[in-house]
Amino acid sequence: MKNDPQFDLPIARLSLKTHHFAFELGRAFFEQFDPKGEFIADGNLHANVTLHKTERLITIDSHITGTVRLTCDRSLDEYDQPLDIDNQLLVRYGDEPKELDDDVLQVTPDTLLLNIAQHLYDYIGLALPMKKLHPRFQNEADDDPEAETKLIFSTRPADEKPDDDEPIDPRWAALKNLN
C-alpha cells in the first residue's frame, strides 16, 4: 500500500482546536489495499473526520457512510452493502512512534503528517458482515424461526427421556451441577 498524500493529516501545523476533514472513498482507495478486489470490489463512501488537538493528545473521530460492493457468499452475485461506521482513534505524543492498541497510536512531537488511510480501510473491513448475503437471501434467514441452530451433545437418543433413578458415575456427577 502506497501512502496516498490525500489522506495525510498535517498534525504539526494544526492549532489546538477542532478541525474537520472530508474524504471520498471509491474504487481507487480500495485498489491501494487490494489491487485484485478480492475483499472489497468497489465502494462509494464518504468519510467525515473530526480532529480535536490538545497539547498532549489528538482525538480523531471518523464517521463513514455509503455502500461497498461485495460478492454474495451463497450466489456469488455482487450487491451493494450499506455501511454506517463511527470510530475513534487516539494519538498521543511519546518518545518513539508505535501502535499502543488498536485505537491508540503514539507519535513523536516532531511528526509532521499522520496518514489515516489504513485506519479508514480497517474500520470499513471490520464493519462488513461476517456472512455476506445478497439482500434477497437476508429475508429468508430472518423469517424462519427454526433457522436458529443449537448444538446439543447427548449419548442417548433424542426421543429417550433421562431416568432419574439410574445411578450417575461420580466423575460426571460434578459436571451435572455446572450450568
N, C-alpha and C. Protein backbone atom coordinates (compact mmCIF):
# COMPACT_ATOMS: atom_id res chain seq x y z
N MET A 1 0.84 -1.17 0.00
CA MET A 1 0.00 0.00 0.00
C MET A 1 0.89 1.23 0.00
N LYS A 2 0.69 2.05 -0.99
CA LYS A 2 1.44 3.30 -1.03
C LYS A 2 0.74 4.34 -0.15
N ASN A 3 1.50 5.25 0.40
CA ASN A 3 0.92 6.30 1.23
C ASN A 3 0.36 7.39 0.33
N ASP A 4 -0.94 7.46 0.23
CA ASP A 4 -1.62 8.47 -0.57
C ASP A 4 -1.63 9.78 0.22
N PRO A 5 -0.99 10.82 -0.29
CA PRO A 5 -0.93 12.08 0.45
C PRO A 5 -2.29 12.73 0.67
N GLN A 6 -3.29 12.28 -0.06
CA GLN A 6 -4.64 12.81 0.11
C GLN A 6 -5.16 12.54 1.53
N PHE A 7 -4.68 11.47 2.16
CA PHE A 7 -5.15 11.07 3.49
C PHE A 7 -4.20 11.48 4.61
N ASP A 8 -3.25 12.36 4.30
CA ASP A 8 -2.33 12.88 5.31
C ASP A 8 -2.99 14.01 6.09
N LEU A 9 -2.96 13.89 7.40
CA LEU A 9 -3.44 14.96 8.26
C LEU A 9 -2.22 15.72 8.76
N PRO A 10 -2.13 17.04 8.51
CA PRO A 10 -0.95 17.83 8.89
C PRO A 10 -0.99 18.19 10.38
N ILE A 11 -0.74 17.22 11.23
CA ILE A 11 -0.93 17.42 12.67
C ILE A 11 0.02 18.45 13.27
N ALA A 12 1.19 18.64 12.68
CA ALA A 12 2.15 19.60 13.24
C ALA A 12 1.70 21.04 13.01
N ARG A 13 1.05 21.31 11.89
CA ARG A 13 0.63 22.68 11.56
C ARG A 13 -0.71 23.07 12.17
N LEU A 14 -1.47 22.10 12.67
CA LEU A 14 -2.81 22.40 13.18
C LEU A 14 -2.74 23.08 14.54
N SER A 15 -3.64 24.02 14.74
CA SER A 15 -3.70 24.70 16.04
C SER A 15 -4.45 23.83 17.04
N LEU A 16 -4.39 24.21 18.29
CA LEU A 16 -5.02 23.45 19.37
C LEU A 16 -6.53 23.74 19.41
N LYS A 17 -7.26 23.10 18.53
CA LYS A 17 -8.72 23.23 18.47
C LYS A 17 -9.26 22.08 17.63
N THR A 18 -10.52 22.15 17.26
CA THR A 18 -11.17 21.10 16.47
C THR A 18 -11.08 21.44 14.98
N HIS A 19 -10.73 20.43 14.17
CA HIS A 19 -10.61 20.59 12.72
C HIS A 19 -11.45 19.51 12.04
N HIS A 20 -11.98 19.84 10.85
CA HIS A 20 -12.83 18.91 10.11
C HIS A 20 -12.21 18.61 8.75
N PHE A 21 -12.28 17.33 8.37
CA PHE A 21 -11.79 16.88 7.08
C PHE A 21 -12.85 15.97 6.45
N ALA A 22 -12.89 15.95 5.12
CA ALA A 22 -13.82 15.08 4.40
C ALA A 22 -13.05 14.32 3.32
N PHE A 23 -13.37 13.04 3.17
CA PHE A 23 -12.70 12.19 2.19
C PHE A 23 -13.74 11.38 1.44
N GLU A 24 -13.53 11.22 0.14
CA GLU A 24 -14.35 10.35 -0.69
C GLU A 24 -13.57 9.05 -0.91
N LEU A 25 -14.19 7.93 -0.59
CA LEU A 25 -13.53 6.63 -0.69
C LEU A 25 -14.21 5.83 -1.79
N GLY A 26 -13.51 5.66 -2.90
CA GLY A 26 -14.05 4.93 -4.05
C GLY A 26 -13.13 3.81 -4.48
N ARG A 27 -13.28 3.42 -5.74
CA ARG A 27 -12.51 2.30 -6.28
C ARG A 27 -11.01 2.50 -6.11
N ALA A 28 -10.52 3.70 -6.39
CA ALA A 28 -9.07 3.97 -6.30
C ALA A 28 -8.56 3.76 -4.87
N PHE A 29 -9.37 4.12 -3.89
CA PHE A 29 -8.99 3.93 -2.49
C PHE A 29 -8.83 2.44 -2.17
N PHE A 30 -9.80 1.63 -2.58
CA PHE A 30 -9.76 0.20 -2.27
C PHE A 30 -8.68 -0.53 -3.06
N GLU A 31 -8.35 -0.05 -4.26
CA GLU A 31 -7.30 -0.68 -5.07
C GLU A 31 -5.92 -0.48 -4.44
N GLN A 32 -5.75 0.54 -3.61
CA GLN A 32 -4.47 0.73 -2.93
C GLN A 32 -4.17 -0.43 -1.98
N PHE A 33 -5.20 -0.98 -1.38
CA PHE A 33 -5.04 -2.03 -0.38
C PHE A 33 -5.23 -3.42 -0.97
N ASP A 34 -6.13 -3.54 -1.93
CA ASP A 34 -6.47 -4.84 -2.51
C ASP A 34 -6.59 -4.67 -4.03
N PRO A 35 -5.46 -4.71 -4.75
CA PRO A 35 -5.48 -4.43 -6.19
C PRO A 35 -6.40 -5.34 -7.00
N LYS A 36 -6.60 -6.57 -6.56
CA LYS A 36 -7.44 -7.51 -7.31
C LYS A 36 -8.91 -7.42 -6.92
N GLY A 37 -9.22 -6.68 -5.87
CA GLY A 37 -10.61 -6.52 -5.45
C GLY A 37 -11.22 -7.78 -4.86
N GLU A 38 -10.41 -8.61 -4.21
CA GLU A 38 -10.92 -9.86 -3.65
C GLU A 38 -11.71 -9.65 -2.36
N PHE A 39 -11.35 -8.66 -1.57
CA PHE A 39 -12.03 -8.41 -0.30
C PHE A 39 -13.20 -7.45 -0.49
N ILE A 40 -12.92 -6.28 -1.05
CA ILE A 40 -13.95 -5.30 -1.37
C ILE A 40 -13.72 -4.91 -2.82
N ALA A 41 -14.71 -5.19 -3.66
CA ALA A 41 -14.58 -4.93 -5.09
C ALA A 41 -14.60 -3.43 -5.41
N ASP A 42 -15.48 -2.71 -4.78
CA ASP A 42 -15.65 -1.29 -5.07
C ASP A 42 -16.42 -0.66 -3.93
N GLY A 43 -16.52 0.64 -3.93
CA GLY A 43 -17.27 1.31 -2.89
C GLY A 43 -17.55 2.74 -3.24
N ASN A 44 -18.54 3.30 -2.58
CA ASN A 44 -18.88 4.70 -2.71
C ASN A 44 -19.17 5.20 -1.31
N LEU A 45 -18.11 5.62 -0.62
CA LEU A 45 -18.22 6.01 0.77
C LEU A 45 -17.75 7.44 0.98
N HIS A 46 -18.29 8.05 2.00
CA HIS A 46 -17.90 9.41 2.38
C HIS A 46 -17.45 9.34 3.85
N ALA A 47 -16.25 9.85 4.12
CA ALA A 47 -15.72 9.84 5.49
C ALA A 47 -15.61 11.27 6.00
N ASN A 48 -16.30 11.55 7.09
CA ASN A 48 -16.16 12.82 7.80
C ASN A 48 -15.24 12.57 8.98
N VAL A 49 -14.14 13.29 9.03
CA VAL A 49 -13.14 13.11 10.08
C VAL A 49 -13.06 14.41 10.88
N THR A 50 -13.23 14.26 12.19
CA THR A 50 -13.10 15.40 13.10
C THR A 50 -11.88 15.16 13.97
N LEU A 51 -10.96 16.11 13.94
CA LEU A 51 -9.71 16.00 14.69
C LEU A 51 -9.72 17.08 15.77
N HIS A 52 -9.59 16.65 17.00
CA HIS A 52 -9.51 17.59 18.13
C HIS A 52 -8.11 17.48 18.71
N LYS A 53 -7.37 18.60 18.62
CA LYS A 53 -5.96 18.59 19.05
C LYS A 53 -5.82 19.36 20.35
N THR A 54 -5.15 18.72 21.32
CA THR A 54 -4.76 19.37 22.57
C THR A 54 -3.24 19.27 22.68
N GLU A 55 -2.68 19.76 23.76
CA GLU A 55 -1.22 19.74 23.91
C GLU A 55 -0.64 18.33 23.99
N ARG A 56 -1.38 17.42 24.59
CA ARG A 56 -0.86 16.06 24.81
C ARG A 56 -1.53 14.97 23.98
N LEU A 57 -2.70 15.25 23.43
CA LEU A 57 -3.49 14.21 22.80
C LEU A 57 -4.22 14.74 21.58
N ILE A 58 -4.34 13.88 20.57
CA ILE A 58 -5.14 14.17 19.39
C ILE A 58 -6.23 13.11 19.33
N THR A 59 -7.48 13.55 19.27
CA THR A 59 -8.61 12.64 19.16
C THR A 59 -9.17 12.77 17.74
N ILE A 60 -9.23 11.65 17.03
CA ILE A 60 -9.72 11.63 15.65
C ILE A 60 -10.99 10.79 15.61
N ASP A 61 -12.12 11.45 15.39
CA ASP A 61 -13.41 10.77 15.26
C ASP A 61 -13.74 10.63 13.79
N SER A 62 -14.07 9.41 13.36
CA SER A 62 -14.40 9.14 11.95
C SER A 62 -15.84 8.67 11.84
N HIS A 63 -16.56 9.25 10.89
CA HIS A 63 -17.92 8.80 10.58
C HIS A 63 -17.94 8.49 9.09
N ILE A 64 -18.13 7.21 8.76
CA ILE A 64 -18.07 6.75 7.36
C ILE A 64 -19.45 6.23 6.98
N THR A 65 -20.00 6.76 5.88
CA THR A 65 -21.30 6.30 5.38
C THR A 65 -21.20 6.02 3.89
N GLY A 66 -22.07 5.15 3.42
CA GLY A 66 -22.12 4.83 2.00
C GLY A 66 -22.31 3.34 1.79
N THR A 67 -21.88 2.86 0.63
CA THR A 67 -22.03 1.45 0.30
C THR A 67 -20.71 0.90 -0.25
N VAL A 68 -20.52 -0.40 -0.04
CA VAL A 68 -19.40 -1.12 -0.65
C VAL A 68 -19.96 -2.24 -1.50
N ARG A 69 -19.24 -2.58 -2.54
CA ARG A 69 -19.64 -3.64 -3.46
C ARG A 69 -19.04 -4.95 -2.98
N LEU A 70 -19.90 -5.91 -2.61
CA LEU A 70 -19.45 -7.20 -2.10
C LEU A 70 -19.98 -8.32 -2.98
N THR A 71 -19.40 -9.50 -2.81
CA THR A 71 -19.85 -10.69 -3.51
C THR A 71 -20.58 -11.59 -2.52
N CYS A 72 -21.79 -11.99 -2.87
CA CYS A 72 -22.62 -12.84 -2.01
C CYS A 72 -21.95 -14.20 -1.83
N ASP A 73 -21.92 -14.68 -0.59
CA ASP A 73 -21.33 -15.99 -0.29
C ASP A 73 -22.16 -17.14 -0.86
N ARG A 74 -23.46 -16.93 -1.01
CA ARG A 74 -24.34 -18.01 -1.46
C ARG A 74 -24.44 -18.07 -2.97
N SER A 75 -24.71 -16.94 -3.63
CA SER A 75 -24.98 -16.95 -5.07
C SER A 75 -23.83 -16.41 -5.92
N LEU A 76 -22.82 -15.82 -5.29
CA LEU A 76 -21.70 -15.17 -5.97
C LEU A 76 -22.12 -13.97 -6.81
N ASP A 77 -23.33 -13.45 -6.56
CA ASP A 77 -23.78 -12.21 -7.19
C ASP A 77 -23.19 -11.03 -6.43
N GLU A 78 -22.89 -9.96 -7.14
CA GLU A 78 -22.41 -8.76 -6.48
C GLU A 78 -23.61 -7.94 -6.01
N TYR A 79 -23.44 -7.26 -4.88
CA TYR A 79 -24.50 -6.41 -4.34
C TYR A 79 -23.87 -5.27 -3.55
N ASP A 80 -24.66 -4.23 -3.28
CA ASP A 80 -24.18 -3.09 -2.51
C ASP A 80 -24.59 -3.26 -1.05
N GLN A 81 -23.59 -3.24 -0.18
CA GLN A 81 -23.82 -3.37 1.26
C GLN A 81 -23.73 -1.98 1.89
N PRO A 82 -24.83 -1.49 2.49
CA PRO A 82 -24.76 -0.18 3.14
C PRO A 82 -23.96 -0.24 4.43
N LEU A 83 -23.22 0.84 4.71
CA LEU A 83 -22.41 0.92 5.92
C LEU A 83 -22.61 2.27 6.59
N ASP A 84 -22.59 2.27 7.90
CA ASP A 84 -22.63 3.49 8.71
C ASP A 84 -21.73 3.22 9.91
N ILE A 85 -20.53 3.81 9.90
CA ILE A 85 -19.47 3.45 10.84
C ILE A 85 -19.03 4.67 11.64
N ASP A 86 -18.88 4.48 12.95
CA ASP A 86 -18.32 5.51 13.82
C ASP A 86 -17.14 4.89 14.57
N ASN A 87 -15.97 5.53 14.50
CA ASN A 87 -14.79 5.06 15.21
C ASN A 87 -14.00 6.23 15.75
N GLN A 88 -13.19 5.93 16.76
CA GLN A 88 -12.34 6.96 17.36
C GLN A 88 -10.91 6.44 17.43
N LEU A 89 -9.96 7.29 17.06
CA LEU A 89 -8.54 6.98 17.12
C LEU A 89 -7.89 8.03 18.03
N LEU A 90 -7.14 7.56 19.00
CA LEU A 90 -6.42 8.45 19.90
C LEU A 90 -4.95 8.45 19.53
N VAL A 91 -4.35 9.64 19.44
CA VAL A 91 -2.94 9.78 19.10
C VAL A 91 -2.29 10.59 20.22
N ARG A 92 -1.32 9.98 20.86
CA ARG A 92 -0.62 10.69 21.93
C ARG A 92 0.83 10.88 21.54
N TYR A 93 1.48 11.81 22.22
CA TYR A 93 2.88 12.09 21.95
C TYR A 93 3.77 11.29 22.89
N GLY A 94 4.88 10.79 22.34
CA GLY A 94 5.82 10.00 23.13
C GLY A 94 7.21 10.04 22.53
N ASP A 95 8.09 9.18 23.04
CA ASP A 95 9.49 9.16 22.62
C ASP A 95 9.71 8.51 21.25
N GLU A 96 8.87 7.51 20.92
CA GLU A 96 9.03 6.80 19.66
C GLU A 96 7.66 6.50 19.07
N PRO A 97 7.57 6.44 17.73
CA PRO A 97 6.28 6.12 17.12
C PRO A 97 5.99 4.63 17.25
N LYS A 98 4.80 4.31 17.76
CA LYS A 98 4.38 2.92 17.86
C LYS A 98 2.87 2.85 18.06
N GLU A 99 2.34 1.65 17.81
CA GLU A 99 0.91 1.42 18.00
C GLU A 99 0.74 0.79 19.37
N LEU A 100 0.06 1.49 20.28
CA LEU A 100 -0.11 1.02 21.64
C LEU A 100 -1.29 0.07 21.77
N ASP A 101 -2.31 0.30 20.97
CA ASP A 101 -3.52 -0.51 20.99
C ASP A 101 -4.16 -0.38 19.61
N ASP A 102 -5.27 -1.08 19.38
CA ASP A 102 -5.94 -0.98 18.09
C ASP A 102 -6.34 0.45 17.76
N ASP A 103 -6.75 1.20 18.76
CA ASP A 103 -7.23 2.56 18.55
C ASP A 103 -6.40 3.61 19.26
N VAL A 104 -5.16 3.28 19.60
CA VAL A 104 -4.27 4.23 20.27
C VAL A 104 -2.90 4.18 19.60
N LEU A 105 -2.46 5.33 19.09
CA LEU A 105 -1.14 5.46 18.48
C LEU A 105 -0.28 6.39 19.30
N GLN A 106 1.02 6.19 19.19
CA GLN A 106 1.96 7.12 19.80
C GLN A 106 2.86 7.65 18.69
N VAL A 107 3.00 8.98 18.62
CA VAL A 107 3.87 9.60 17.65
C VAL A 107 4.84 10.52 18.39
N THR A 108 5.93 10.87 17.74
CA THR A 108 6.89 11.79 18.35
C THR A 108 6.39 13.23 18.16
N PRO A 109 6.80 14.14 19.00
CA PRO A 109 6.35 15.53 18.87
C PRO A 109 6.75 16.20 17.55
N ASP A 110 7.75 15.68 16.88
CA ASP A 110 8.17 16.29 15.61
C ASP A 110 7.51 15.64 14.39
N THR A 111 6.51 14.79 14.59
CA THR A 111 5.78 14.17 13.48
C THR A 111 4.97 15.24 12.75
N LEU A 112 5.18 15.34 11.44
CA LEU A 112 4.51 16.38 10.66
C LEU A 112 3.15 15.93 10.14
N LEU A 113 3.09 14.69 9.62
CA LEU A 113 1.87 14.19 8.98
C LEU A 113 1.45 12.86 9.58
N LEU A 114 0.15 12.64 9.61
CA LEU A 114 -0.40 11.36 10.04
C LEU A 114 -1.32 10.87 8.94
N ASN A 115 -0.96 9.75 8.31
CA ASN A 115 -1.78 9.19 7.24
C ASN A 115 -2.82 8.27 7.85
N ILE A 116 -4.09 8.53 7.58
CA ILE A 116 -5.17 7.74 8.19
C ILE A 116 -5.84 6.78 7.21
N ALA A 117 -5.28 6.61 6.02
CA ALA A 117 -5.89 5.73 5.02
C ALA A 117 -6.04 4.30 5.53
N GLN A 118 -4.99 3.75 6.14
CA GLN A 118 -5.04 2.38 6.65
C GLN A 118 -6.12 2.24 7.72
N HIS A 119 -6.25 3.23 8.58
CA HIS A 119 -7.26 3.18 9.64
C HIS A 119 -8.67 3.20 9.05
N LEU A 120 -8.91 4.03 8.05
CA LEU A 120 -10.22 4.08 7.42
C LEU A 120 -10.54 2.74 6.76
N TYR A 121 -9.55 2.15 6.07
CA TYR A 121 -9.75 0.85 5.43
C TYR A 121 -10.05 -0.24 6.47
N ASP A 122 -9.35 -0.21 7.58
CA ASP A 122 -9.58 -1.20 8.64
C ASP A 122 -10.98 -1.04 9.25
N TYR A 123 -11.42 0.20 9.46
CA TYR A 123 -12.76 0.43 10.00
C TYR A 123 -13.83 -0.14 9.07
N ILE A 124 -13.63 0.05 7.77
CA ILE A 124 -14.59 -0.48 6.79
C ILE A 124 -14.56 -2.00 6.81
N GLY A 125 -13.37 -2.59 6.81
CA GLY A 125 -13.25 -4.05 6.82
C GLY A 125 -13.88 -4.68 8.05
N LEU A 126 -13.74 -4.04 9.20
CA LEU A 126 -14.32 -4.58 10.43
C LEU A 126 -15.83 -4.42 10.48
N ALA A 127 -16.38 -3.50 9.72
CA ALA A 127 -17.82 -3.27 9.72
C ALA A 127 -18.57 -4.19 8.77
N LEU A 128 -17.85 -4.90 7.92
CA LEU A 128 -18.51 -5.80 6.97
C LEU A 128 -19.11 -6.99 7.71
N PRO A 129 -20.26 -7.48 7.22
CA PRO A 129 -20.85 -8.65 7.88
C PRO A 129 -19.99 -9.89 7.66
N MET A 130 -20.01 -10.77 8.65
CA MET A 130 -19.23 -12.00 8.56
C MET A 130 -19.76 -12.87 7.42
N LYS A 131 -21.06 -12.95 7.31
CA LYS A 131 -21.70 -13.73 6.26
C LYS A 131 -22.28 -12.74 5.26
N LYS A 132 -21.70 -12.70 4.08
CA LYS A 132 -22.12 -11.74 3.07
C LYS A 132 -23.25 -12.33 2.24
N LEU A 133 -24.48 -11.87 2.51
CA LEU A 133 -25.64 -12.37 1.80
C LEU A 133 -26.31 -11.27 1.00
N HIS A 134 -26.64 -11.58 -0.24
CA HIS A 134 -27.40 -10.66 -1.09
C HIS A 134 -28.71 -10.35 -0.38
N PRO A 135 -29.24 -9.14 -0.51
CA PRO A 135 -30.49 -8.79 0.20
C PRO A 135 -31.65 -9.74 -0.04
N ARG A 136 -31.71 -10.38 -1.19
CA ARG A 136 -32.83 -11.32 -1.43
C ARG A 136 -32.72 -12.57 -0.55
N PHE A 137 -31.54 -12.88 -0.04
CA PHE A 137 -31.37 -14.03 0.85
C PHE A 137 -31.44 -13.64 2.32
N GLN A 138 -31.21 -12.39 2.64
CA GLN A 138 -31.22 -11.95 4.03
C GLN A 138 -32.60 -12.10 4.65
N ASN A 139 -33.66 -11.88 3.90
CA ASN A 139 -35.02 -12.02 4.42
C ASN A 139 -35.36 -13.47 4.71
N GLU A 140 -34.86 -14.41 3.93
CA GLU A 140 -35.13 -15.82 4.16
C GLU A 140 -34.61 -16.26 5.53
N ALA A 141 -33.43 -15.85 5.88
CA ALA A 141 -32.85 -16.25 7.16
C ALA A 141 -33.58 -15.60 8.33
N ASP A 142 -34.10 -14.38 8.15
CA ASP A 142 -34.78 -13.67 9.23
C ASP A 142 -36.19 -14.19 9.47
N ASP A 143 -36.87 -14.71 8.43
CA ASP A 143 -38.27 -15.13 8.56
C ASP A 143 -38.43 -16.49 9.21
N ASP A 144 -37.44 -17.35 9.17
CA ASP A 144 -37.57 -18.72 9.65
C ASP A 144 -37.11 -18.81 11.11
N PRO A 145 -38.07 -18.97 12.08
CA PRO A 145 -37.65 -19.07 13.48
C PRO A 145 -36.91 -20.37 13.77
N GLU A 146 -37.10 -21.38 12.96
CA GLU A 146 -36.41 -22.65 13.15
C GLU A 146 -34.98 -22.61 12.64
N ALA A 147 -34.59 -21.51 11.99
CA ALA A 147 -33.25 -21.40 11.42
C ALA A 147 -32.18 -21.30 12.51
N GLU A 148 -32.59 -20.93 13.70
CA GLU A 148 -31.64 -20.84 14.80
C GLU A 148 -31.18 -22.25 15.17
N THR A 149 -29.92 -22.46 15.23
CA THR A 149 -29.37 -23.78 15.47
C THR A 149 -28.73 -23.84 16.84
N LYS A 150 -29.01 -24.94 17.54
CA LYS A 150 -28.37 -25.17 18.82
C LYS A 150 -27.53 -26.44 18.70
N LEU A 151 -26.39 -26.42 19.29
CA LEU A 151 -25.53 -27.58 19.30
C LEU A 151 -25.73 -28.30 20.64
N ILE A 152 -26.25 -29.51 20.56
CA ILE A 152 -26.52 -30.29 21.76
C ILE A 152 -25.80 -31.62 21.62
N PHE A 153 -25.11 -32.02 22.68
CA PHE A 153 -24.44 -33.31 22.68
C PHE A 153 -25.10 -34.21 23.70
N SER A 154 -25.46 -35.38 23.27
CA SER A 154 -26.07 -36.33 24.17
C SER A 154 -25.65 -37.73 23.74
N THR A 155 -25.54 -38.62 24.74
CA THR A 155 -25.17 -40.00 24.43
C THR A 155 -26.39 -40.89 24.29
N ARG A 156 -27.57 -40.36 24.59
CA ARG A 156 -28.80 -41.15 24.43
C ARG A 156 -29.60 -40.59 23.26
N PRO A 157 -30.46 -41.41 22.67
CA PRO A 157 -31.30 -40.92 21.57
C PRO A 157 -32.16 -39.73 22.03
N ALA A 158 -32.47 -38.84 21.11
CA ALA A 158 -33.20 -37.61 21.43
C ALA A 158 -34.61 -37.89 21.96
N ASP A 159 -35.24 -38.97 21.53
CA ASP A 159 -36.60 -39.25 21.97
C ASP A 159 -36.65 -39.96 23.32
N GLU A 160 -35.53 -40.40 23.86
CA GLU A 160 -35.50 -41.10 25.14
C GLU A 160 -35.31 -40.09 26.28
N LYS A 161 -36.12 -40.19 27.31
CA LYS A 161 -36.04 -39.29 28.46
C LYS A 161 -35.07 -39.86 29.48
N PRO A 162 -34.39 -38.98 30.23
CA PRO A 162 -33.44 -39.48 31.23
C PRO A 162 -34.15 -40.16 32.39
N ASP A 163 -33.52 -41.20 32.91
CA ASP A 163 -34.06 -41.93 34.06
C ASP A 163 -33.35 -41.40 35.30
N ASP A 164 -34.11 -40.72 36.18
CA ASP A 164 -33.51 -40.11 37.37
C ASP A 164 -33.10 -41.15 38.41
N ASP A 165 -33.65 -42.36 38.35
CA ASP A 165 -33.31 -43.39 39.32
C ASP A 165 -31.98 -44.07 38.99
N GLU A 166 -31.53 -43.91 37.78
CA GLU A 166 -30.31 -44.55 37.34
C GLU A 166 -29.10 -43.91 38.04
N PRO A 167 -28.18 -44.72 38.61
CA PRO A 167 -27.02 -44.14 39.30
C PRO A 167 -26.11 -43.42 38.29
N ILE A 168 -25.55 -42.30 38.75
CA ILE A 168 -24.67 -41.49 37.91
C ILE A 168 -23.23 -41.77 38.29
N ASP A 169 -22.41 -41.90 37.31
CA ASP A 169 -20.97 -42.08 37.53
C ASP A 169 -20.46 -40.86 38.30
N PRO A 170 -19.77 -41.06 39.44
CA PRO A 170 -19.33 -39.93 40.26
C PRO A 170 -18.42 -38.94 39.50
N ARG A 171 -17.74 -39.39 38.48
CA ARG A 171 -16.89 -38.46 37.71
C ARG A 171 -17.75 -37.46 36.94
N TRP A 172 -18.97 -37.86 36.57
CA TRP A 172 -19.86 -36.98 35.81
C TRP A 172 -20.83 -36.23 36.73
N ALA A 173 -20.97 -36.66 37.96
CA ALA A 173 -21.92 -36.02 38.87
C ALA A 173 -21.57 -34.55 39.12
N ALA A 174 -20.31 -34.25 39.23
CA ALA A 174 -19.88 -32.86 39.46
C ALA A 174 -20.21 -31.98 38.28
N LEU A 175 -20.15 -32.53 37.08
CA LEU A 175 -20.45 -31.75 35.88
C LEU A 175 -21.95 -31.44 35.75
N LYS A 176 -22.79 -32.24 36.38
CA LYS A 176 -24.23 -32.02 36.30
C LYS A 176 -24.62 -30.71 36.97
N ASN A 177 -23.87 -30.28 37.97
CA ASN A 177 -24.18 -29.05 38.68
C ASN A 177 -23.75 -27.79 37.94
N LEU A 178 -22.94 -27.95 36.91
CA LEU A 178 -22.48 -26.78 36.15
C LEU A 178 -23.56 -26.35 35.16
N ASN A 179 -23.86 -25.10 35.13
CA ASN A 179 -24.83 -24.55 34.17
C ASN A 179 -24.33 -23.26 33.63
